[in-house]
Amino acid sequence: MELLKRVLTAVVLIPIVLLLVLRAPVPMLAFIAGAVALLAIQELLRLAEGYNIRPLYKPTYIFAGLFFLLIAVSPEQTPALSTSGFAFVAVCAAAFAPFVFLAIAMRRDELSSAFPGAMTAGFAFSYIALPMASLVQLREQWQGSFFILYLLLLVWAGDIFAYFIGKSLGTHRMSPRVSPKKTWEGAVASVVASVAVGMLMAHYAVPISRALLHARLIEQRDGVFTEPAMFPIILLSIVINLAAQLGDLVESVIKRGAGAKDSGAILPGHGGMFDRIDALLFAAPVLWAYMAWRVLMQ
């Protein structure tokens, strides 16, 4: 029953997500990414209560919400949405966040809860809001839509193969204390699946881009119309997969420490929103860094 819920939820959500990331206007994409980030932040802050921390709920929501609002209202190709502009805004927001949250927390009656609350708020912003915002900025980069599609398919394929191979063939536990069901067999299958998807995406980049362009799902600048070099894609696929698996394990550490199995129950069969995007929170910044490096090298 649990597996059926998991599959049905994926069947419904995957086409919607792909349509949004490929076709939605940037302001709408920023709004949706912000909403997803806020839901995941809410779940993370609730998990923090399991560590006897009193989170700064409203200040964290407002700070993260204003960050996504800035991205949403910025016209396309403005500094806030350019690669360098986004990096500047993100670094400034991450640098100011601790001071903002500490200044708010110092008004608490129990000063012993001020620092943990502010620390959790700053962590939630950097851990969840910034990676989700990087996906929005990726859309504005040259060939951005194609590489977001590449990222999502890569992460999803790795997750699916890790789940089914680990469940059916896995015997060697990877980290029993953190995630008892994860096995080394599943981890290897995940890497292989992601590399296979990356190679297929690279080999068929031109026909895929033409099909998406013909269907009016992307613009000319968003596709890849010359076959990319295979070795960098293989290497990038491995790094992204390892980052995604690490992101999954890190979220499991947080949940285990809080004594929770799932971060929430908003997605049937998948748990909470935080559970669903945990791999992307590590994988998206890796792709963003690669794409930003590519821009700098041009």
Protein backbone atom coordinates (compact mmCIF):
# COMPACT_ATOMS: atom_id res chain seq x y z
CA MET A 1 0.00 0.00 0.00
CA GLU A 2 2.83 2.35 0.89
CA LEU A 3 4.58 1.60 -2.41
CA LEU A 4 1.36 2.24 -4.34
CA LYS A 5 0.95 5.64 -2.66
CA ARG A 6 4.57 6.45 -3.46
CA VAL A 7 4.15 5.57 -7.15
CA LEU A 8 0.82 7.36 -7.56
CA THR A 9 2.15 10.53 -5.96
CA ALA A 10 5.17 10.46 -8.27
CA VAL A 11 3.01 9.87 -11.35
CA VAL A 12 0.91 12.92 -10.50
CA LEU A 13 3.71 15.25 -9.39
CA ILE A 14 6.46 14.56 -11.93
CA PRO A 15 4.62 15.93 -15.02
CA ILE A 16 3.50 18.99 -13.05
CA VAL A 17 7.03 19.68 -11.80
CA LEU A 18 8.54 19.26 -15.27
CA LEU A 19 5.97 21.57 -16.84
CA LEU A 20 6.59 24.22 -14.19
CA VAL A 21 10.38 24.20 -14.39
CA LEU A 22 10.37 24.24 -18.19
CA ARG A 23 7.53 26.58 -19.01
CA ALA A 24 6.44 28.65 -16.00
CA PRO A 25 7.46 32.34 -16.07
CA VAL A 26 10.33 33.13 -13.74
CA PRO A 27 8.15 35.04 -11.21
CA MET A 28 5.79 32.05 -10.97
CA LEU A 29 8.70 29.64 -10.66
CA ALA A 30 10.20 31.78 -7.90
CA PHE A 31 6.84 31.87 -6.11
CA ILE A 32 6.45 28.08 -6.29
CA ALA A 33 10.07 27.43 -5.28
CA GLY A 34 9.54 29.80 -2.37
CA ALA A 35 6.35 28.02 -1.30
CA VAL A 36 8.12 24.64 -1.41
CA ALA A 37 11.04 26.08 0.54
CA LEU A 38 8.75 27.54 3.22
CA LEU A 39 6.94 24.21 3.64
CA ALA A 40 10.27 22.40 4.01
CA ILE A 41 11.54 25.08 6.42
CA GLN A 42 8.41 24.66 8.53
CA GLU A 43 9.07 20.92 8.76
CA LEU A 44 12.74 21.48 9.61
CA LEU A 45 11.85 23.93 12.38
CA ARG A 46 9.38 21.44 13.82
CA LEU A 47 12.10 18.79 13.80
CA ALA A 48 14.30 21.27 15.69
CA GLU A 49 11.80 21.15 18.55
CA GLY A 50 12.89 17.53 19.02
CA TYR A 51 16.28 18.96 20.02
CA ASN A 52 14.62 21.16 22.67
CA ILE A 53 15.08 24.23 20.48
CA ARG A 54 12.49 26.99 20.32
CA PRO A 55 12.61 28.02 16.63
CA LEU A 56 11.97 31.53 15.33
CA TYR A 57 9.06 30.53 13.14
CA LYS A 58 7.70 33.84 11.84
CA PRO A 59 11.06 35.64 11.41
CA THR A 60 12.41 32.67 9.43
CA TYR A 61 9.34 32.58 7.18
CA ILE A 62 9.47 36.34 6.60
CA PHE A 63 13.22 36.42 5.87
CA ALA A 64 13.05 33.51 3.42
CA GLY A 65 9.81 34.80 1.88
CA LEU A 66 11.30 38.26 1.24
CA PHE A 67 14.32 36.63 -0.39
CA PHE A 68 12.14 34.77 -2.87
CA LEU A 69 9.98 37.87 -3.37
CA LEU A 70 13.08 39.80 -4.41
CA ILE A 71 13.81 37.16 -7.04
CA ALA A 72 10.18 36.98 -8.18
CA VAL A 73 9.74 40.73 -8.72
CA SER A 74 13.10 41.23 -10.42
CA PRO A 75 12.67 41.57 -14.19
CA GLU A 76 14.41 38.89 -16.20
CA GLN A 77 18.11 39.47 -16.93
CA THR A 78 18.44 41.99 -14.09
CA PRO A 79 21.38 41.70 -11.66
CA ALA A 80 19.30 39.76 -9.09
CA LEU A 81 18.68 37.03 -11.68
CA SER A 82 22.06 37.09 -13.40
CA THR A 83 24.62 34.56 -12.19
CA SER A 84 26.91 37.10 -10.54
CA GLY A 85 23.99 39.14 -9.21
CA PHE A 86 22.35 36.11 -7.65
CA ALA A 87 25.63 35.07 -6.06
CA PHE A 88 25.99 38.55 -4.55
CA VAL A 89 22.42 38.63 -3.21
CA ALA A 90 22.68 35.08 -1.84
CA VAL A 91 26.00 35.75 -0.06
CA CYS A 92 24.68 39.00 1.43
CA ALA A 93 21.48 37.32 2.64
CA ALA A 94 23.39 34.40 4.17
CA ALA A 95 25.86 36.79 5.84
CA PHE A 96 23.19 39.08 7.31
CA ALA A 97 20.85 36.25 8.40
CA PRO A 98 22.69 35.40 11.67
CA PHE A 99 22.70 39.04 12.79
CA VAL A 100 19.04 39.53 11.90
CA PHE A 101 17.92 36.41 13.73
CA LEU A 102 20.14 37.07 16.77
CA ALA A 103 18.82 40.63 17.02
CA ILE A 104 15.26 39.26 17.02
CA ALA A 105 16.03 36.40 19.41
CA MET A 106 17.64 38.66 22.00
CA ARG A 107 14.16 39.93 22.88
CA ARG A 108 13.17 36.54 24.31
CA ASP A 109 12.52 36.13 28.00
CA GLU A 110 14.67 33.00 28.11
CA LEU A 111 18.03 34.10 26.74
CA SER A 112 19.24 30.51 26.77
CA SER A 113 16.91 29.86 23.81
CA ALA A 114 18.06 32.89 21.80
CA PHE A 115 21.21 31.50 20.22
CA PRO A 116 19.83 28.01 19.36
CA GLY A 117 16.71 29.61 17.85
CA ALA A 118 18.71 32.08 15.77
CA MET A 119 21.19 29.39 14.72
CA THR A 120 18.39 27.12 13.52
CA ALA A 121 16.78 29.96 11.56
CA GLY A 122 20.05 30.84 9.82
CA PHE A 123 20.72 27.19 9.07
CA ALA A 124 17.21 26.71 7.64
CA PHE A 125 17.69 29.65 5.29
CA SER A 126 21.09 28.51 3.99
CA TYR A 127 20.18 24.82 3.90
CA ILE A 128 16.78 25.08 2.21
CA ALA A 129 16.01 28.54 0.82
CA LEU A 130 19.31 29.16 -0.99
CA PRO A 131 19.40 25.81 -2.87
CA MET A 132 15.77 26.20 -3.94
CA ALA A 133 16.47 29.73 -5.13
CA SER A 134 19.48 28.49 -7.11
CA LEU A 135 17.09 26.38 -9.20
CA VAL A 136 15.23 29.54 -10.18
CA GLN A 137 18.45 31.28 -11.20
CA LEU A 138 19.51 28.21 -13.19
CA ARG A 139 16.52 28.80 -15.44
CA GLU A 140 18.01 32.17 -16.39
CA GLN A 141 21.34 30.73 -17.41
CA TRP A 142 22.22 29.74 -20.96
CA GLN A 143 20.82 26.21 -21.57
CA GLY A 144 19.31 26.45 -18.09
CA SER A 145 16.04 24.63 -18.73
CA PHE A 146 17.79 21.64 -20.29
CA PHE A 147 20.17 21.31 -17.36
CA ILE A 148 17.38 21.60 -14.79
CA LEU A 149 15.64 18.75 -16.63
CA TYR A 150 18.95 16.86 -16.56
CA LEU A 151 19.26 17.48 -12.80
CA LEU A 152 15.74 16.32 -11.95
CA LEU A 153 15.90 13.16 -14.08
CA LEU A 154 19.33 12.37 -12.67
CA VAL A 155 18.21 12.71 -9.05
CA TRP A 156 14.92 10.88 -9.60
CA ALA A 157 16.61 7.98 -11.43
CA GLY A 158 19.19 7.63 -8.68
CA ASP A 159 16.51 7.68 -5.99
CA ILE A 160 14.33 5.10 -7.77
CA PHE A 161 17.16 2.63 -8.40
CA ALA A 162 18.55 3.05 -4.89
CA TYR A 163 15.11 2.28 -3.47
CA PHE A 164 14.26 -0.79 -5.57
CA ILE A 165 17.73 -2.34 -5.88
CA GLY A 166 18.46 -1.69 -2.22
CA LYS A 167 15.16 -3.23 -1.20
CA SER A 168 15.45 -6.33 -3.38
CA LEU A 169 19.19 -7.02 -3.49
CA GLY A 170 20.74 -4.94 -0.74
CA THR A 171 22.47 -6.84 2.06
CA HIS A 172 25.28 -4.51 3.18
CA ARG A 173 23.94 -1.66 5.29
CA MET A 174 25.46 1.72 4.53
CA SER A 175 24.69 3.53 7.77
CA PRO A 176 22.44 1.49 10.08
CA ARG A 177 22.21 4.18 12.77
CA VAL A 178 21.26 6.96 10.35
CA SER A 179 19.20 5.17 7.70
CA PRO A 180 18.75 1.42 8.32
CA LYS A 181 17.20 0.71 4.91
CA LYS A 182 20.00 2.21 2.82
CA THR A 183 22.53 -0.27 1.44
CA TRP A 184 25.77 -0.06 -0.49
CA GLU A 185 24.16 -2.06 -3.31
CA GLY A 186 21.45 0.59 -3.57
CA ALA A 187 24.03 3.37 -3.49
CA VAL A 188 26.05 1.83 -6.33
CA ALA A 189 22.86 1.24 -8.35
CA SER A 190 21.97 4.89 -7.78
CA VAL A 191 25.30 6.09 -9.18
CA VAL A 192 25.05 3.79 -12.20
CA ALA A 193 21.49 4.94 -12.93
CA SER A 194 22.41 8.61 -12.68
CA VAL A 195 25.43 8.20 -14.94
CA ALA A 196 23.30 6.31 -17.47
CA VAL A 197 20.70 9.08 -17.48
CA GLY A 198 23.43 11.71 -17.80
CA MET A 199 25.00 9.92 -20.75
CA LEU A 200 21.64 9.49 -22.47
CA MET A 201 20.78 13.16 -21.90
CA ALA A 202 24.14 14.20 -23.37
CA HIS A 203 23.95 11.83 -26.35
CA TYR A 204 20.39 12.83 -27.22
CA ALA A 205 20.70 16.46 -26.14
CA VAL A 206 19.99 17.84 -29.60
CA PRO A 207 16.84 15.80 -30.42
CA ILE A 208 15.53 16.33 -26.86
CA SER A 209 16.06 20.07 -27.14
CA ARG A 210 14.42 20.18 -30.59
CA ALA A 211 11.42 18.25 -29.30
CA LEU A 212 11.03 20.58 -26.32
CA LEU A 213 11.41 23.61 -28.58
CA HIS A 214 8.86 22.24 -31.04
CA ALA A 215 6.45 21.64 -28.16
CA ARG A 216 7.07 25.25 -27.04
CA LEU A 217 8.24 24.10 -23.63
CA ILE A 218 11.56 25.94 -23.95
CA GLU A 219 13.05 28.87 -25.82
CA GLN A 220 15.99 28.60 -28.21
CA ARG A 221 18.47 29.76 -25.54
CA ASP A 222 17.27 27.10 -23.09
CA GLY A 223 18.15 24.05 -25.19
CA VAL A 224 21.39 22.25 -26.08
CA PHE A 225 21.78 22.14 -29.86
CA THR A 226 25.31 20.75 -30.06
CA GLU A 227 26.15 17.44 -28.42
CA PRO A 228 28.16 18.14 -25.24
CA ALA A 229 31.42 16.38 -24.41
CA MET A 230 30.68 13.09 -22.71
CA PHE A 231 33.44 12.93 -20.08
CA PRO A 232 32.50 16.17 -18.24
CA ILE A 233 28.86 15.03 -18.16
CA ILE A 234 29.82 11.64 -16.71
CA LEU A 235 31.95 13.31 -14.05
CA LEU A 236 29.24 15.87 -13.27
CA SER A 237 26.61 13.12 -13.05
CA ILE A 238 28.70 11.20 -10.51
CA VAL A 239 29.27 14.29 -8.36
CA ILE A 240 25.60 15.29 -8.48
CA ASN A 241 24.49 11.76 -7.56
CA LEU A 242 26.88 11.59 -4.61
CA ALA A 243 25.68 15.01 -3.46
CA ALA A 244 22.06 13.87 -3.74
CA GLN A 245 22.73 10.70 -1.72
CA LEU A 246 24.58 12.72 0.90
CA GLY A 247 21.66 15.16 1.05
CA ASP A 248 19.32 12.25 1.74
CA LEU A 249 21.57 10.94 4.52
CA VAL A 250 21.97 14.36 6.12
CA GLU A 251 18.21 14.78 6.34
CA SER A 252 18.00 11.31 7.91
CA VAL A 253 20.52 12.43 10.56
CA ILE A 254 18.29 15.39 11.43
CA LYS A 255 15.17 13.22 11.63
CA ARG A 256 16.82 10.46 13.65
CA GLY A 257 18.18 12.96 16.13
CA ALA A 258 14.70 14.42 16.52
CA GLY A 259 13.14 10.98 16.89
CA ALA A 260 11.03 11.31 13.72
CA LYS A 261 10.54 8.89 10.84
CA ASP A 262 9.31 11.50 8.34
CA SER A 263 9.48 15.29 8.31
CA GLY A 264 5.75 15.50 7.58
CA ALA A 265 2.85 13.84 5.80
CA ILE A 266 1.95 16.30 3.05
CA LEU A 267 2.93 13.89 0.22
CA PRO A 268 1.35 10.40 0.44
CA GLY A 269 4.03 7.72 0.36
CA HIS A 270 6.85 10.26 0.42
CA GLY A 271 6.42 11.91 3.81
CA GLY A 272 6.92 15.66 4.02
CA MET A 273 8.17 18.27 1.58
CA PHE A 274 11.55 18.21 3.28
CA ASP A 275 11.71 14.46 2.66
CA ARG A 276 10.98 15.00 -1.01
CA ILE A 277 13.55 17.71 -1.74
CA ASP A 278 16.36 16.56 0.58
CA ALA A 279 18.50 15.24 -2.29
CA LEU A 280 18.00 18.41 -4.37
CA LEU A 281 19.20 20.59 -1.50
CA PHE A 282 22.72 19.25 -2.02
CA ALA A 283 22.53 18.43 -5.73
CA ALA A 284 21.15 21.78 -6.98
CA PRO A 285 24.04 23.88 -5.61
CA VAL A 286 26.51 21.49 -7.25
CA LEU A 287 24.89 22.02 -10.66
CA TRP A 288 24.58 25.76 -10.04
CA ALA A 289 28.30 25.96 -9.19
CA TYR A 290 29.17 24.07 -12.39
CA MET A 291 26.96 26.31 -14.51
CA ALA A 292 28.34 29.45 -12.85
CA TRP A 293 31.90 28.23 -13.44
CA ARG A 294 31.01 27.63 -17.08
CA VAL A 295 29.80 31.23 -17.37
CA LEU A 296 33.01 32.56 -15.82
CA MET A 297 35.15 30.50 -18.22
CA GLN A 298 33.43 31.88 -21.32
